[in-house]
Amino acid sequence: MNIQMIEAAAARLAGHARQTPLLSSPFLDEIAGRRVLLKAECLQHTGSFKYRGARSAVSALAPEIREKGVIAFSSGNHAQGVALAAREFGVPAVIIMPSDAPRLKIENTRALGAEVVLYDRATEDRDKIGARLSDARALTLIKPFDEPQVIAGQGTTGLEIAQQAKAAGVTKADVLIPCGGGGLTSGTALALASKAPDLRVRPCEPEEFDDATRSLVSGHIETNTRKAGSICDAIITPRPGDLTFPIMAQLCGPGIVVSEDECLRAMAAAFTRLKVVIEPGGAVALAAALFHPQQINGDAVICVASGGNVDSPMFITALEKYGQPAA
């Protein structure tokens, strides 16, 4: 992995991926005790940064390989990204999704034309299912994070952050990123190391699913004992990737762990103050900025809101518990 791969991915994504805004609110600044800038990847196509990596990987395939179709496994955001990218190229897509994924994500993936195969994430191995189906149907597996072209696509987020932060007058800050397998975290870290080395990436995770944070402390890949049961479904993975972790170990600062309740509070704050919808897993970085300020350095912090695909009942719960009353 290198900056040239990320820049090549950016060229392939030009005219397809959205350049998402960097948002701010004085109300969030007051809560955090510093300037807060939110990179709204929840406004990306399919409601998540995952479209970047999916489009990057699918577009990098040789045409004769791509036309046979692609397969992916995902709790929903990577699923939708791959489904859309496959539809844009007119090729089949099979998506393996956990049966407890938010209904919205499952329905959206099917609506984009993909065949959805459900599995039990607590008892079944999605990697084995994916390998079996890809071999049987000659499909190309697009991994959700441990794939160079996916990492390169996610790294285009970092290229945008470097430009937007400079325009906003921020040249030194922690960049907080919701971290599952580490594709967005490692790709963004690579991009910023090249384009804005004083912007330091830090992974953010929910309690009990903090494998990346613990891995950075121990210096080797740690796994989660639990595999399911968090509202932050979008970033629940068993462990960091074999490709992503060495990059994170070299380039990232310490991880930050937040509670599910803090994620709900961050979701409500983002909607109330910025008018954006963030899903629980996508809100962990903002939750870290707002409610763990003592773990952050500098006068400014940049947070990535990685996704906005939240079911209505969950979003209503966040607003009912923590939303501001009407004026």
Foldseek 3Di string as FASTA:
>chain_A
DALVLLVVLVVQCVPPWDQFDWDFFVVLCVLLVFTETERLQCPIVVRFLLLLLLLQVLVPDDPVLNQLAAEEEALASVLLSNLQSNVVVVHAYEYEHEPPRPPLRVVNSVVSPYHYHYDHQQPDDVVVVRVVVCVVSVHHYRYSAQDVSSLSRLLVNLVSCLVNCVVVVHQAWEEEELAAQQSNQLSNLNSCVPRRVRHAYAYEYEPQQPQLLVCLVVVHKDFGPDQDDAQLRRRRDGIHHPVRNVSCNPGHDHYHYDYLLLLLQQQQCCCQGVVDAAGSSLRRQSSCSSPVSVVTDDNYYYYYSGGRRYDPVSNVVSCVVHHDDDD
